[in-house]
Amino acid sequence: MSMKSIRDYYGVPAKRGQLIYYKPSNGVMQAGNITSARGAYIRVKMLTGERLLLHPTWCIEYADHDEQVGNSFIEIKNRDHARELIAEAGITSDNVTKEQLSRLWHLLAIRLRNSGNYQGSYAMSKPVVTHFMECKTSEWKGREAISFNRDGFIGIAGWADSGNVQPILDGIADWVKMITLEETGANE
């Protein structure tokens, strides 16, 4: 089946690049983008990098028709605004989990890579799940991307100008949106 055939047959808005939220029976929601169709199934690349073959109607919620990872529809104006949104999502330096940090790392990695900054070499440093995440480029390494400090302060790329902090703010927006959707789904 083609992607159009899947849309027509199942009545779903499946398109290449479409953001989906997958919530299997274990209850842990994951997000990813549709990459292609295979038979009556859709191929999805999850934020974790895992690739899944899913039935188009089984445990899937389709995001707005033109929404994709990298298009969070939450506009973060500056670092303080990002901290406010993180706080509104109930995340603090004390209660952020390793799973949440891992998802944040993956979202930041996507945003930095897609930004094109530093001739496309802007990236997250190795995926170590800790309260202090670093980024790098071909010109430097080991700069703060985001940090959840013991005193409660959340540091966000203090070294960066507005052009270099924006992909980090956008990744935070994606992360906050995912946390909010998970909580909404858990309360239904």
C-alpha atoms as a PDB file:
ATOM      1  CA  MET A   1       0.000   0.000   0.000  1.00  0.00           C
ATOM      2  CA  SER A   2       1.101   3.541  -0.617  1.00  0.00           C
ATOM      3  CA  MET A   3       0.854   6.276   2.007  1.00  0.00           C
ATOM      4  CA  LYS A   4      -2.187   7.646   0.122  1.00  0.00           C
ATOM      5  CA  SER A   5      -3.813   4.194   0.188  1.00  0.00           C
ATOM      6  CA  ILE A   6      -3.245   3.992   3.952  1.00  0.00           C
ATOM      7  CA  ARG A   7      -4.825   7.436   4.395  1.00  0.00           C
ATOM      8  CA  ASP A   8      -7.820   6.507   2.272  1.00  0.00           C
ATOM      9  CA  TYR A   9      -8.360   2.978   3.652  1.00  0.00           C
ATOM     10  CA  TYR A  10      -7.861   3.708   7.375  1.00  0.00           C
ATOM     11  CA  GLY A  11      -9.016   7.347   7.406  1.00  0.00           C
ATOM     12  CA  VAL A  12      -5.839   8.562   9.100  1.00  0.00           C
ATOM     13  CA  PRO A  13      -3.710  11.614   8.213  1.00  0.00           C
ATOM     14  CA  ALA A  14      -0.519   9.577   7.695  1.00  0.00           C
ATOM     15  CA  LYS A  15       2.105  11.411   5.636  1.00  0.00           C
ATOM     16  CA  ARG A  16       5.873  11.262   5.412  1.00  0.00           C
ATOM     17  CA  GLY A  17       7.331  13.458   8.166  1.00  0.00           C
ATOM     18  CA  GLN A  18       4.075  13.378  10.183  1.00  0.00           C
ATOM     19  CA  LEU A  19       4.645  13.459  13.934  1.00  0.00           C
ATOM     20  CA  ILE A  20       2.927  10.622  15.795  1.00  0.00           C
ATOM     21  CA  TYR A  21       2.662   9.706  19.448  1.00  0.00           C
ATOM     22  CA  TYR A  22       2.809   5.972  20.079  1.00  0.00           C
ATOM     23  CA  LYS A  23       1.548   4.584  23.382  1.00  0.00           C
ATOM     24  CA  PRO A  24       1.953   0.814  23.545  1.00  0.00           C
ATOM     25  CA  SER A  25       0.438  -1.375  26.255  1.00  0.00           C
ATOM     26  CA  ASN A  26       3.308  -0.574  28.668  1.00  0.00           C
ATOM     27  CA  GLY A  27       1.890   2.971  28.817  1.00  0.00           C
ATOM     28  CA  VAL A  28       5.120   4.812  27.989  1.00  0.00           C
ATOM     29  CA  MET A  29       4.373   7.345  25.281  1.00  0.00           C
ATOM     30  CA  GLN A  30       6.984   7.817  22.564  1.00  0.00           C
ATOM     31  CA  ALA A  31       7.124  10.263  19.687  1.00  0.00           C
ATOM     32  CA  GLY A  32       8.473   9.829  16.197  1.00  0.00           C
ATOM     33  CA  ASN A  33       8.068  10.782  12.570  1.00  0.00           C
ATOM     34  CA  ILE A  34       6.576   8.652   9.794  1.00  0.00           C
ATOM     35  CA  THR A  35       9.273   7.810   7.246  1.00  0.00           C
ATOM     36  CA  SER A  36       7.418   5.572   4.766  1.00  0.00           C
ATOM     37  CA  ALA A  37       4.799   2.893   4.222  1.00  0.00           C
ATOM     38  CA  ARG A  38       5.319  -0.859   3.980  1.00  0.00           C
ATOM     39  CA  GLY A  39       2.286  -2.845   3.034  1.00  0.00           C
ATOM     40  CA  ALA A  40      -0.552  -1.780   5.303  1.00  0.00           C
ATOM     41  CA  TYR A  41       1.887  -0.476   7.938  1.00  0.00           C
ATOM     42  CA  ILE A  42       3.754   2.754   8.517  1.00  0.00           C
ATOM     43  CA  ARG A  43       7.458   2.979   9.250  1.00  0.00           C
ATOM     44  CA  VAL A  44       8.281   5.380  12.053  1.00  0.00           C
ATOM     45  CA  LYS A  45      11.627   6.699  13.297  1.00  0.00           C
ATOM     46  CA  MET A  46      11.248   7.323  17.014  1.00  0.00           C
ATOM     47  CA  LEU A  47      13.050  10.177  18.793  1.00  0.00           C
ATOM     48  CA  THR A  48      15.291   7.573  20.400  1.00  0.00           C
ATOM     49  CA  GLY A  49      16.491   6.557  16.930  1.00  0.00           C
ATOM     50  CA  GLU A  50      14.613   3.252  17.071  1.00  0.00           C
ATOM     51  CA  ARG A  51      12.698   2.373  13.906  1.00  0.00           C
ATOM     52  CA  LEU A  52       9.297   0.736  14.241  1.00  0.00           C
ATOM     53  CA  LEU A  53       6.773  -0.765  11.840  1.00  0.00           C
ATOM     54  CA  LEU A  54       3.318   0.135  13.182  1.00  0.00           C
ATOM     55  CA  HIS A  55      -0.283  -0.417  12.194  1.00  0.00           C
ATOM     56  CA  PRO A  56      -1.753   2.997  11.317  1.00  0.00           C
ATOM     57  CA  THR A  57      -4.608   2.730  13.844  1.00  0.00           C
ATOM     58  CA  TRP A  58      -3.050   0.797  16.724  1.00  0.00           C
ATOM     59  CA  CYS A  59      -2.004   2.860  19.791  1.00  0.00           C
ATOM     60  CA  ILE A  60      -1.152   5.911  17.666  1.00  0.00           C
ATOM     61  CA  GLU A  61      -2.197   9.522  18.019  1.00  0.00           C
ATOM     62  CA  TYR A  62      -1.503  11.725  15.022  1.00  0.00           C
ATOM     63  CA  ALA A  63      -0.306  15.241  15.757  1.00  0.00           C
ATOM     64  CA  ASP A  64      -1.708  18.226  13.867  1.00  0.00           C
ATOM     65  CA  HIS A  65      -1.514  17.518  10.138  1.00  0.00           C
ATOM     66  CA  ASP A  66       1.611  19.591   9.438  1.00  0.00           C
ATOM     67  CA  GLU A  67       3.318  19.238  12.804  1.00  0.00           C
ATOM     68  CA  GLN A  68       6.700  17.532  12.898  1.00  0.00           C
ATOM     69  CA  VAL A  69       9.527  17.186  15.367  1.00  0.00           C
ATOM     70  CA  GLY A  70      11.260  20.438  14.757  1.00  0.00           C
ATOM     71  CA  ASN A  71       7.978  22.314  14.585  1.00  0.00           C
ATOM     72  CA  SER A  72       6.768  22.345  18.175  1.00  0.00           C
ATOM     73  CA  PHE A  73       4.269  25.211  17.870  1.00  0.00           C
ATOM     74  CA  ILE A  74       5.511  26.489  21.222  1.00  0.00           C
ATOM     75  CA  GLU A  75       7.519  29.631  20.699  1.00  0.00           C
ATOM     76  CA  ILE A  76      10.093  30.154  23.428  1.00  0.00           C
ATOM     77  CA  LYS A  77      11.186  33.763  23.451  1.00  0.00           C
ATOM     78  CA  ASN A  78      14.274  33.508  25.666  1.00  0.00           C
ATOM     79  CA  ARG A  79      15.988  31.485  28.389  1.00  0.00           C
ATOM     80  CA  ASP A  80      13.753  32.821  31.186  1.00  0.00           C
ATOM     81  CA  HIS A  81      10.646  31.896  29.198  1.00  0.00           C
ATOM     82  CA  ALA A  82      12.062  28.371  28.743  1.00  0.00           C
ATOM     83  CA  ARG A  83      12.606  28.082  32.499  1.00  0.00           C
ATOM     84  CA  GLU A  84       9.001  29.209  33.107  1.00  0.00           C
ATOM     85  CA  LEU A  85       7.635  26.554  30.699  1.00  0.00           C
ATOM     86  CA  ILE A  86       9.766  23.853  32.323  1.00  0.00           C
ATOM     87  CA  ALA A  87       8.436  24.881  35.741  1.00  0.00           C
ATOM     88  CA  GLU A  88       4.829  24.913  34.437  1.00  0.00           C
ATOM     89  CA  ALA A  89       5.381  21.338  33.228  1.00  0.00           C
ATOM     90  CA  GLY A  90       6.293  20.433  36.824  1.00  0.00           C
ATOM     91  CA  ILE A  91       9.964  19.713  36.090  1.00  0.00           C
ATOM     92  CA  THR A  92      12.640  20.784  38.569  1.00  0.00           C
ATOM     93  CA  SER A  93      16.286  19.958  39.091  1.00  0.00           C
ATOM     94  CA  ASP A  94      15.192  17.663  41.925  1.00  0.00           C
ATOM     95  CA  ASN A  95      12.509  15.649  40.130  1.00  0.00           C
ATOM     96  CA  VAL A  96      13.665  15.412  36.495  1.00  0.00           C
ATOM     97  CA  THR A  97      14.040  11.702  35.663  1.00  0.00           C
ATOM     98  CA  LYS A  98      16.702   9.923  33.644  1.00  0.00           C
ATOM     99  CA  GLU A  99      14.051   8.986  31.073  1.00  0.00           C
ATOM    100  CA  GLN A 100      13.047  12.646  30.714  1.00  0.00           C
ATOM    101  CA  LEU A 101      16.694  13.694  30.411  1.00  0.00           C
ATOM    102  CA  SER A 102      17.247  11.058  27.738  1.00  0.00           C
ATOM    103  CA  ARG A 103      14.296  12.343  25.717  1.00  0.00           C
ATOM    104  CA  LEU A 104      15.530  15.922  26.116  1.00  0.00           C
ATOM    105  CA  TRP A 105      18.986  14.890  24.878  1.00  0.00           C
ATOM    106  CA  HIS A 106      17.482  13.296  21.754  1.00  0.00           C
ATOM    107  CA  LEU A 107      15.271  16.304  21.014  1.00  0.00           C
ATOM    108  CA  LEU A 108      18.184  18.700  21.463  1.00  0.00           C
ATOM    109  CA  ALA A 109      20.340  16.512  19.201  1.00  0.00           C
ATOM    110  CA  ILE A 110      17.718  16.715  16.434  1.00  0.00           C
ATOM    111  CA  ARG A 111      17.336  20.481  16.768  1.00  0.00           C
ATOM    112  CA  LEU A 112      21.088  21.200  16.833  1.00  0.00           C
ATOM    113  CA  ARG A 113      21.764  18.935  13.855  1.00  0.00           C
ATOM    114  CA  ASN A 114      18.905  20.477  11.854  1.00  0.00           C
ATOM    115  CA  SER A 115      19.925  24.062  12.664  1.00  0.00           C
ATOM    116  CA  GLY A 116      22.807  24.042  10.188  1.00  0.00           C
ATOM    117  CA  ASN A 117      24.842  26.179  12.609  1.00  0.00           C
ATOM    118  CA  TYR A 118      28.642  25.881  12.418  1.00  0.00           C
ATOM    119  CA  GLN A 119      28.498  24.486   8.876  1.00  0.00           C
ATOM    120  CA  GLY A 120      26.245  21.666  10.106  1.00  0.00           C
ATOM    121  CA  SER A 121      28.574  20.483  12.878  1.00  0.00           C
ATOM    122  CA  TYR A 122      26.467  21.803  15.808  1.00  0.00           C
ATOM    123  CA  ALA A 123      25.614  18.698  17.836  1.00  0.00           C
ATOM    124  CA  MET A 124      25.096  17.284  21.282  1.00  0.00           C
ATOM    125  CA  SER A 125      28.101  15.688  22.958  1.00  0.00           C
ATOM    126  CA  LYS A 126      27.987  11.967  23.721  1.00  0.00           C
ATOM    127  CA  PRO A 127      24.643  10.799  25.092  1.00  0.00           C
ATOM    128  CA  VAL A 128      25.425  10.656  28.784  1.00  0.00           C
ATOM    129  CA  VAL A 129      22.229  11.084  30.748  1.00  0.00           C
ATOM    130  CA  THR A 130      23.141  13.546  33.437  1.00  0.00           C
ATOM    131  CA  HIS A 131      21.887  16.824  34.827  1.00  0.00           C
ATOM    132  CA  PHE A 132      24.562  18.641  32.761  1.00  0.00           C
ATOM    133  CA  MET A 133      24.353  18.186  28.995  1.00  0.00           C
ATOM    134  CA  GLU A 134      26.990  19.505  26.640  1.00  0.00           C
ATOM    135  CA  CYS A 135      27.099  20.429  22.988  1.00  0.00           C
ATOM    136  CA  LYS A 136      29.959  20.666  20.494  1.00  0.00           C
ATOM    137  CA  THR A 137      30.943  21.757  17.004  1.00  0.00           C
ATOM    138  CA  SER A 138      33.919  21.192  14.722  1.00  0.00           C
ATOM    139  CA  GLU A 139      35.432  24.340  16.305  1.00  0.00           C
ATOM    140  CA  TRP A 140      34.924  23.591  20.023  1.00  0.00           C
ATOM    141  CA  LYS A 141      33.513  21.019  22.437  1.00  0.00           C
ATOM    142  CA  GLY A 142      32.148  20.743  25.946  1.00  0.00           C
ATOM    143  CA  ARG A 143      29.904  23.807  26.189  1.00  0.00           C
ATOM    144  CA  GLU A 144      26.706  23.800  28.243  1.00  0.00           C
ATOM    145  CA  ALA A 145      23.524  22.979  26.353  1.00  0.00           C
ATOM    146  CA  ILE A 146      21.343  22.704  29.471  1.00  0.00           C
ATOM    147  CA  SER A 147      22.022  22.024  33.118  1.00  0.00           C
ATOM    148  CA  PHE A 148      19.758  21.209  36.033  1.00  0.00           C
ATOM    149  CA  ASN A 149      21.764  22.522  38.979  1.00  0.00           C
ATOM    150  CA  ARG A 150      21.576  21.439  42.619  1.00  0.00           C
ATOM    151  CA  ASP A 151      20.487  24.919  43.700  1.00  0.00           C
ATOM    152  CA  GLY A 152      17.433  24.605  41.418  1.00  0.00           C
ATOM    153  CA  PHE A 153      18.694  26.911  38.663  1.00  0.00           C
ATOM    154  CA  ILE A 154      18.335  25.616  35.103  1.00  0.00           C
ATOM    155  CA  GLY A 155      21.196  26.849  32.955  1.00  0.00           C
ATOM    156  CA  ILE A 156      20.578  27.142  29.218  1.00  0.00           C
ATOM    157  CA  ALA A 157      23.622  27.674  26.980  1.00  0.00           C
ATOM    158  CA  GLY A 158      24.907  30.686  28.907  1.00  0.00           C
ATOM    159  CA  TRP A 159      27.733  31.057  26.387  1.00  0.00           C
ATOM    160  CA  ALA A 160      25.461  31.277  23.327  1.00  0.00           C
ATOM    161  CA  ASP A 161      24.182  34.222  21.313  1.00  0.00           C
ATOM    162  CA  SER A 162      20.565  34.272  20.121  1.00  0.00           C
ATOM    163  CA  GLY A 163      21.286  32.305  16.926  1.00  0.00           C
ATOM    164  CA  ASN A 164      23.042  29.484  18.772  1.00  0.00           C
ATOM    165  CA  VAL A 165      20.640  29.275  21.702  1.00  0.00           C
ATOM    166  CA  GLN A 166      17.510  29.114  19.510  1.00  0.00           C
ATOM    167  CA  PRO A 167      17.878  25.426  18.503  1.00  0.00           C
ATOM    168  CA  ILE A 168      18.287  24.597  22.204  1.00  0.00           C
ATOM    169  CA  LEU A 169      15.179  26.612  23.101  1.00  0.00           C
ATOM    170  CA  ASP A 170      13.280  24.859  20.302  1.00  0.00           C
ATOM    171  CA  GLY A 171      14.387  21.454  21.630  1.00  0.00           C
ATOM    172  CA  ILE A 172      13.183  22.450  25.087  1.00  0.00           C
ATOM    173  CA  ALA A 173       9.830  23.464  23.548  1.00  0.00           C
ATOM    174  CA  ASP A 174       9.537  20.026  21.917  1.00  0.00           C
ATOM    175  CA  TRP A 175      10.377  18.379  25.254  1.00  0.00           C
ATOM    176  CA  VAL A 176       7.880  20.423  27.280  1.00  0.00           C
ATOM    177  CA  LYS A 177       5.186  19.669  24.713  1.00  0.00           C
ATOM    178  CA  MET A 178       5.928  15.934  24.932  1.00  0.00           C
ATOM    179  CA  ILE A 179       5.802  15.966  28.744  1.00  0.00           C
ATOM    180  CA  THR A 180       2.512  17.880  28.671  1.00  0.00           C
ATOM    181  CA  LEU A 181       0.993  15.411  26.175  1.00  0.00           C
ATOM    182  CA  GLU A 182       2.119  12.454  28.271  1.00  0.00           C
ATOM    183  CA  GLU A 183       0.497  13.916  31.386  1.00  0.00           C
ATOM    184  CA  THR A 184      -2.702  14.697  29.474  1.00  0.00           C
ATOM    185  CA  GLY A 185      -2.788  11.126  28.122  1.00  0.00           C
ATOM    186  CA  ALA A 186      -2.111   9.659  31.564  1.00  0.00           C
ATOM    187  CA  ASN A 187      -5.032  11.586  33.085  1.00  0.00           C
ATOM    188  CA  GLU A 188      -7.587  10.520  30.481  1.00  0.00           C
END
